[in-house]
Structures are given as C-alpha cells and as structure tokens.
C-alpha cells in the first residue's frame, strides 16, 4: 500500500539521497544471508526507529543489480509517527547516519519528503553510464572494479550507429528479464558512445525507466555488432521480435553506474507518480 508522504496517515515519509560502490553488494534488494544496499540501510534505520516487518516500506528510484554502482541514488522510507521521537533531540542528518554505515555506502541527504513524493514513481528518468577499456586505453588497475576490460579495439562510430537504432519509445522485451505485472515498453531517450581523450570509452544511457538487466543487455548488443557477431539489421529485428536468443550477452555489472535521477518540481510529485503507475502497452508505440 502506498502510504502518504510527510506527517500524515500515521507515517512520516523520509527521502534519502545516497551513493555506493556496488562491488561487494548483491544488488539493491534485501535478500536473506546476502549483503545488499537495502539490507544495510534497513539495519541502520532499525537501530534508530526499531524493528520493521516491512523494512519501512522502502522504495528505490533505480533497483540496481549485484555489482552495479550508484553515484546518485534515491529511496524513501515510511516511519510510524509514534517512532519519530526516537530520533531524540538531535537532528537525524546524513552525518549521523553515515557513522553507522559501511564505507562503501554513504548518505548525502536525509530529509522529510515533500507531499506526494515517491522515490520510484515520482521520477521522470534515470541516467546510467557504462565504462569500457579496450586496447586504445592504457591499462589502469584502479579501474578493475569499475570498467569492462575489452581485449580488442572497438569502433566507436559503429557502436553509435547500432545504439541509435534502439533510441525511442519501444518494447525492449529482448533486452530484459520480464517480471510479472510489469511492462517492457520504455522510452530510451539517449544511447551514445564516446571515446575520451585518454582512450576510455563511456556509454551514456537515459530513459524514463529501465527493465531488469536492460542497460547491460543494450551494451552487450552493440558490442556484438562491433565484433561482427550481429549486424545492425539483425539488431533491429531482435528488438522488433522481442526475442534475443543467443545473439548477444549481458555484459559484466562492474562497468555500470547509476549517475542521476530526474524529478519534476516538488508540486508535481504526486501527479508524476500517478502517470508512472499507468502501465504502457503495445498500442502506446507509434509505428
């Protein structure tokens, strides 16, 4: 159930802005016996507010997979009104919370959420970056945890040509692990590849939302084109058919970072949340 934000309905909704190195996390979502971002956060908030059977109904803007990093991430939690007094006289801010968190997870801001705010559904878009090193880049061991090591030189122009065929409002079923009750139709607004002055390759992706494994599948698909394992025409057909088969692989998570979350003005949080909850279907795509 979606509880109201702010000091209403017996709950207070808090917004949390955070970041993490995903290398040693088994993803965002809390899982038994595994170290996850949500799990670490819930442990800290339970120390302050007491046990919660629902994990404070925490919801996140972008649910990252195991090994995926986040320079910017946003979540919210709903705390029962009668537990707010447990904060004590001191303000419960990021500085205090970070003393309770591991070094690879940091909170930038912790505030009572504006009315209507929902970390997931109020978001307008998500920005991801995927980093690749190929033979044009001087080997750098500090990037081992943060970039895909590719053992051949990549043609950035060809990568871009392939990427551009996938931009737009489309059904990305061939690039996702489908989930019951969810749509695979997404508006991919940006999919661009650039080689930096030092030879590093950065792939920028921006969409209203991404399905499970979608970003890493998209990157894997254009790498298959660059390798000659898949033509651009075949890539287009894969997207239209909704079936990937063994045409390309999901690339390693280490190169992926959630870079930013877009939100509207605070007055439009509730309105955007309602729009986001409306499931798209194939009729929404103009052919």
Protein backbone atom coordinates (compact mmCIF):
# COMPACT_ATOMS: atom_id res chain seq x y z
CA UNK A 1 0.00 0.00 0.00
CA UNK A 2 1.32 3.45 -0.89
CA UNK A 3 1.30 5.49 2.30
CA UNK A 4 1.09 9.28 2.18
CA UNK A 5 4.25 11.37 2.37
CA UNK A 6 5.06 13.74 5.18
CA UNK A 7 3.34 13.80 8.57
CA UNK A 8 0.03 12.19 7.55
CA UNK A 9 -1.76 8.88 7.88
CA UNK A 10 0.24 7.87 10.94
CA UNK A 11 3.51 7.72 8.98
CA UNK A 12 6.28 10.15 8.16
CA UNK A 13 7.93 9.65 4.79
CA UNK A 14 11.65 10.40 4.55
CA UNK A 15 13.67 10.92 1.38
CA UNK A 16 17.19 9.50 1.33
CA UNK A 17 19.80 10.59 -1.24
CA UNK A 18 22.73 8.17 -1.29
CA UNK A 19 25.60 6.60 -3.25
CA UNK A 20 27.52 3.33 -3.15
CA UNK A 21 30.25 1.18 -4.62
CA UNK A 22 28.28 -1.86 -5.73
CA UNK A 23 31.20 -4.28 -5.99
CA UNK A 24 30.61 -6.07 -2.71
CA UNK A 25 26.80 -5.81 -2.69
CA UNK A 26 24.46 -8.50 -4.03
CA UNK A 27 22.34 -5.75 -5.54
CA UNK A 28 19.87 -3.31 -4.04
CA UNK A 29 17.05 -5.54 -2.80
CA UNK A 30 17.20 -7.09 0.66
CA UNK A 31 17.86 -10.85 0.47
CA UNK A 32 18.35 -13.45 3.22
CA UNK A 33 22.03 -14.09 4.10
CA UNK A 34 23.28 -11.70 1.39
CA UNK A 35 24.80 -8.25 1.77
CA UNK A 36 22.62 -5.74 -0.08
CA UNK A 37 22.24 -1.96 -0.10
CA UNK A 38 18.65 -2.07 1.13
CA UNK A 39 19.63 -4.56 3.82
CA UNK A 40 22.38 -2.29 5.17
CA UNK A 41 20.04 0.70 5.21
CA UNK A 42 17.25 -1.18 6.97
CA UNK A 43 19.69 -2.32 9.68
CA UNK A 44 20.67 1.29 10.38
CA UNK A 45 17.11 2.60 10.44
CA UNK A 46 16.00 -0.26 12.68
CA UNK A 47 18.71 0.77 15.17
CA UNK A 48 17.10 4.20 15.28
CA UNK A 49 13.38 3.55 14.82
CA UNK A 50 13.03 -0.07 15.99
CA UNK A 51 12.24 -3.25 14.10
CA UNK A 52 10.07 -3.11 10.99
CA UNK A 53 8.45 -6.20 9.46
CA UNK A 54 8.13 -4.37 6.14
CA UNK A 55 11.55 -2.72 6.13
CA UNK A 56 9.76 0.65 6.44
CA UNK A 57 8.20 0.01 3.01
CA UNK A 58 11.41 1.29 1.44
CA UNK A 59 11.19 2.08 -2.27
CA UNK A 60 14.08 3.00 -4.56
CA UNK A 61 14.34 5.06 -7.75
CA UNK A 62 16.56 2.58 -9.59
CA UNK A 63 16.82 -1.01 -8.37
CA UNK A 64 20.43 -1.92 -9.18
CA UNK A 65 21.76 -5.45 -9.73
CA UNK A 66 24.69 -7.12 -7.99
CA UNK A 67 27.93 -5.24 -8.64
CA UNK A 68 26.29 -2.13 -10.09
CA UNK A 69 27.42 1.19 -8.62
CA UNK A 70 25.44 4.36 -7.89
CA UNK A 71 26.91 7.85 -7.83
CA UNK A 72 23.37 9.11 -7.22
CA UNK A 73 20.52 7.01 -5.84
CA UNK A 74 17.24 7.96 -4.13
CA UNK A 75 14.93 5.97 -1.90
CA UNK A 76 12.17 6.69 0.60
CA UNK A 77 11.01 5.05 3.80
CA UNK A 78 7.83 5.36 5.86
CA UNK A 79 8.33 5.59 9.62
CA UNK A 80 5.38 5.27 12.04
CA UNK A 81 4.60 8.64 13.59
CA UNK A 82 4.90 7.30 17.13
CA UNK A 83 8.52 6.27 16.48
CA UNK A 84 9.77 9.67 15.34
CA UNK A 85 10.53 10.66 18.92
CA UNK A 86 13.26 8.00 18.92
CA UNK A 87 15.40 10.39 16.90
CA UNK A 88 15.90 12.33 20.14
CA UNK A 89 16.70 15.98 20.47
CA UNK A 90 19.44 15.95 17.85
CA UNK A 91 18.66 16.32 14.16
CA UNK A 92 18.94 12.99 12.31
CA UNK A 93 21.01 14.00 9.32
CA UNK A 94 23.41 12.39 6.87
CA UNK A 95 26.44 12.98 9.10
CA UNK A 96 24.97 11.00 11.98
CA UNK A 97 23.66 8.21 9.76
CA UNK A 98 27.00 7.75 8.00
CA UNK A 99 28.70 6.91 11.29
CA UNK A 100 26.53 3.76 11.31
CA UNK A 101 27.08 2.77 7.66
CA UNK A 102 29.92 0.85 5.96
CA UNK A 103 32.45 2.84 3.93
CA UNK A 104 31.13 1.69 0.54
CA UNK A 105 27.68 3.18 1.24
CA UNK A 106 27.11 6.85 2.01
CA UNK A 107 24.04 9.03 2.57
CA UNK A 108 24.24 12.53 1.09
CA UNK A 109 20.93 13.82 2.42
CA UNK A 110 18.13 12.65 4.72
CA UNK A 111 15.01 14.79 4.99
CA UNK A 112 11.24 14.57 5.48
CA UNK A 113 9.85 14.09 1.97
CA UNK A 114 7.71 16.69 0.26
CA UNK A 115 3.99 15.79 -0.05
CA UNK A 116 3.29 13.30 -2.82
CA UNK A 117 6.92 12.21 -3.18
CA UNK A 118 7.61 8.63 -4.23
CA UNK A 119 11.25 7.76 -4.92
CA UNK A 120 10.33 5.39 -7.74
CA UNK A 121 7.13 6.65 -9.28
CA UNK A 122 7.77 10.41 -8.99
CA UNK A 123 10.94 10.06 -11.08
CA UNK A 124 10.95 11.32 -14.66
CA UNK A 125 14.07 9.47 -15.77
CA UNK A 126 17.28 7.65 -14.92
CA UNK A 127 20.79 8.20 -16.27
CA UNK A 128 23.36 5.40 -16.44
CA UNK A 129 26.99 5.29 -17.58
CA UNK A 130 28.79 2.16 -18.74
CA UNK A 131 32.59 2.28 -18.84
CA UNK A 132 34.77 0.18 -21.15
CA UNK A 133 38.54 -0.08 -21.57
CA UNK A 134 39.87 -1.55 -24.81
CA UNK A 135 43.35 -1.77 -26.36
CA UNK A 136 43.37 2.00 -27.01
CA UNK A 137 43.37 2.70 -23.26
CA UNK A 138 46.47 2.39 -21.10
CA UNK A 139 45.85 -0.37 -18.57
CA UNK A 140 44.85 1.08 -15.21
CA UNK A 141 44.41 -1.32 -12.26
CA UNK A 142 42.34 1.26 -10.36
CA UNK A 143 39.54 0.68 -12.90
CA UNK A 144 39.36 -3.08 -12.31
CA UNK A 145 36.19 -2.70 -10.23
CA UNK A 146 34.61 -0.03 -12.43
CA UNK A 147 35.11 -0.86 -16.11
CA UNK A 148 34.68 -3.73 -18.55
CA UNK A 149 38.05 -4.84 -19.92
CA UNK A 150 37.72 -5.47 -23.66
CA UNK A 151 40.68 -7.17 -25.35
CA UNK A 152 40.14 -5.74 -28.83
CA UNK A 153 39.93 -2.23 -30.24
CA UNK A 154 36.33 -1.06 -30.53
CA UNK A 155 34.91 1.02 -33.36
CA UNK A 156 33.08 3.80 -31.52
CA UNK A 157 31.37 5.06 -34.68
CA UNK A 158 29.90 1.60 -35.34
CA UNK A 159 28.83 1.32 -31.69
CA UNK A 160 26.97 4.61 -32.04
CA UNK A 161 25.30 3.56 -35.28
CA UNK A 162 23.97 0.45 -33.60
CA UNK A 163 22.92 2.33 -30.46
CA UNK A 164 20.90 4.92 -32.38
CA UNK A 165 18.63 2.25 -33.87
CA UNK A 166 17.36 1.48 -30.37
CA UNK A 167 16.57 5.03 -29.25
CA UNK A 168 12.89 5.87 -28.80
CA UNK A 169 9.69 4.51 -27.30
CA UNK A 170 9.94 0.76 -27.95
CA UNK A 171 9.27 -2.65 -26.48
CA UNK A 172 12.58 -3.83 -25.01
CA UNK A 173 11.46 -7.37 -24.15
CA UNK A 174 14.51 -8.78 -25.95
CA UNK A 175 16.79 -6.84 -23.60
CA UNK A 176 15.09 -7.59 -20.27
CA UNK A 177 14.27 -10.25 -17.75
CA UNK A 178 10.47 -9.86 -17.74
CA UNK A 179 8.66 -9.54 -14.42
CA UNK A 180 5.04 -10.48 -13.82
CA UNK A 181 2.76 -7.46 -13.88
CA UNK A 182 5.40 -5.20 -15.46
CA UNK A 183 5.71 -3.77 -18.95
CA UNK A 184 8.87 -3.91 -21.06
CA UNK A 185 7.95 -0.77 -23.01
CA UNK A 186 10.39 2.04 -22.25
CA UNK A 187 11.33 5.40 -23.72
CA UNK A 188 15.08 5.26 -24.35
CA UNK A 189 15.99 8.92 -24.80
CA UNK A 190 19.77 8.64 -25.07
CA UNK A 191 22.15 5.84 -26.04
CA UNK A 192 25.50 7.35 -27.02
CA UNK A 193 29.10 6.14 -27.04
CA UNK A 194 32.17 8.36 -26.79
CA UNK A 195 35.91 7.76 -26.53
CA UNK A 196 37.54 10.14 -24.07
CA UNK A 197 40.89 11.85 -24.68
CA UNK A 198 42.64 9.17 -22.59
CA UNK A 199 41.11 6.36 -24.68
CA UNK A 200 38.46 5.34 -22.15
CA UNK A 201 35.05 4.52 -23.67
CA UNK A 202 31.90 5.79 -21.96
CA UNK A 203 28.38 4.75 -22.89
CA UNK A 204 25.63 7.15 -21.75
CA UNK A 205 22.04 5.92 -21.44
CA UNK A 206 18.96 7.86 -20.37
CA UNK A 207 15.38 6.55 -20.22
CA UNK A 208 12.19 7.13 -18.30
CA UNK A 209 12.92 3.78 -16.61
CA UNK A 210 14.88 0.60 -17.28
CA UNK A 211 13.82 -3.04 -17.01
CA UNK A 212 15.83 -5.70 -15.17
CA UNK A 213 19.21 -6.19 -16.92
CA UNK A 214 18.17 -3.81 -19.70
CA UNK A 215 21.20 -1.48 -19.62
CA UNK A 216 23.75 -4.29 -19.62
CA UNK A 217 21.85 -6.09 -22.37
CA UNK A 218 21.76 -2.97 -24.53
CA UNK A 219 25.51 -2.50 -24.16
CA UNK A 220 26.06 -6.19 -24.89
CA UNK A 221 24.02 -5.90 -28.08
CA UNK A 222 26.07 -3.09 -29.59
CA UNK A 223 29.32 -4.84 -28.61
CA UNK A 224 28.07 -7.85 -30.59
CA UNK A 225 27.64 -5.54 -33.59
CA UNK A 226 31.15 -4.14 -33.14
CA UNK A 227 32.51 -7.69 -33.00
CA UNK A 228 30.73 -8.69 -36.21
CA UNK A 229 28.58 -11.28 -34.43
CA UNK A 230 25.43 -9.31 -35.18
CA UNK A 231 24.57 -6.87 -37.98
CA UNK A 232 22.70 -3.64 -37.36
CA UNK A 233 19.79 -5.02 -39.38
CA UNK A 234 19.72 -8.14 -37.19
CA UNK A 235 19.80 -5.96 -34.06
CA UNK A 236 16.76 -4.06 -35.28
CA UNK A 237 14.95 -7.33 -35.94
CA UNK A 238 15.84 -8.63 -32.46
CA UNK A 239 14.23 -5.56 -30.90
CA UNK A 240 11.11 -5.86 -33.02
CA UNK A 241 10.73 -9.60 -32.40
CA UNK A 242 11.23 -9.33 -28.64
CA UNK A 243 13.47 -12.42 -28.70
CA UNK A 244 17.22 -12.31 -28.08
CA UNK A 245 18.11 -15.97 -28.21
CA UNK A 246 21.91 -16.26 -28.04
CA UNK A 247 22.58 -13.24 -30.26
CA UNK A 248 24.42 -11.30 -27.52
CA UNK A 249 25.29 -11.43 -23.84
CA UNK A 250 24.50 -9.34 -20.79
CA UNK A 251 27.81 -7.58 -20.03
CA UNK A 252 29.52 -7.56 -16.63
CA UNK A 253 27.98 -5.31 -13.97
CA UNK A 254 31.26 -3.74 -12.86
CA UNK A 255 31.20 -1.16 -15.65
CA UNK A 256 27.75 0.17 -14.81
CA UNK A 257 26.98 3.21 -12.67
CA UNK A 258 23.67 4.94 -11.93
CA UNK A 259 24.60 8.60 -12.46
CA UNK A 260 21.45 10.66 -11.89
CA UNK A 261 17.69 10.59 -11.25
CA UNK A 262 15.38 13.21 -12.77
CA UNK A 263 12.44 14.55 -10.73
CA UNK A 264 9.86 17.24 -11.55
CA UNK A 265 9.20 20.28 -9.37
CA UNK A 266 8.02 19.18 -5.94
CA UNK A 267 4.49 20.42 -6.65
CA UNK A 268 4.21 17.75 -9.35
CA UNK A 269 5.49 14.75 -7.38
CA UNK A 270 2.05 13.20 -6.85
CA UNK A 271 0.91 13.90 -10.42
CA UNK A 272 4.02 12.27 -11.89
CA UNK A 273 3.63 9.27 -9.58
CA UNK A 274 0.12 8.65 -10.90
CA UNK A 275 1.31 8.89 -14.51
CA UNK A 276 4.15 6.44 -13.85
CA UNK A 277 1.80 3.86 -12.37
CA UNK A 278 -0.20 3.62 -15.59
CA UNK A 279 1.17 0.58 -17.39
CA UNK A 280 2.03 1.07 -21.04
CA UNK A 281 1.02 -1.41 -23.70
CA UNK A 282 1.90 -2.02 -27.33
CA UNK A 283 -0.76 0.47 -28.51
CA UNK A 284 1.29 3.31 -26.96
CA UNK A 285 4.02 2.79 -29.60
CA UNK A 286 3.51 4.64 -32.86
CA UNK A 287 4.65 2.62 -35.84
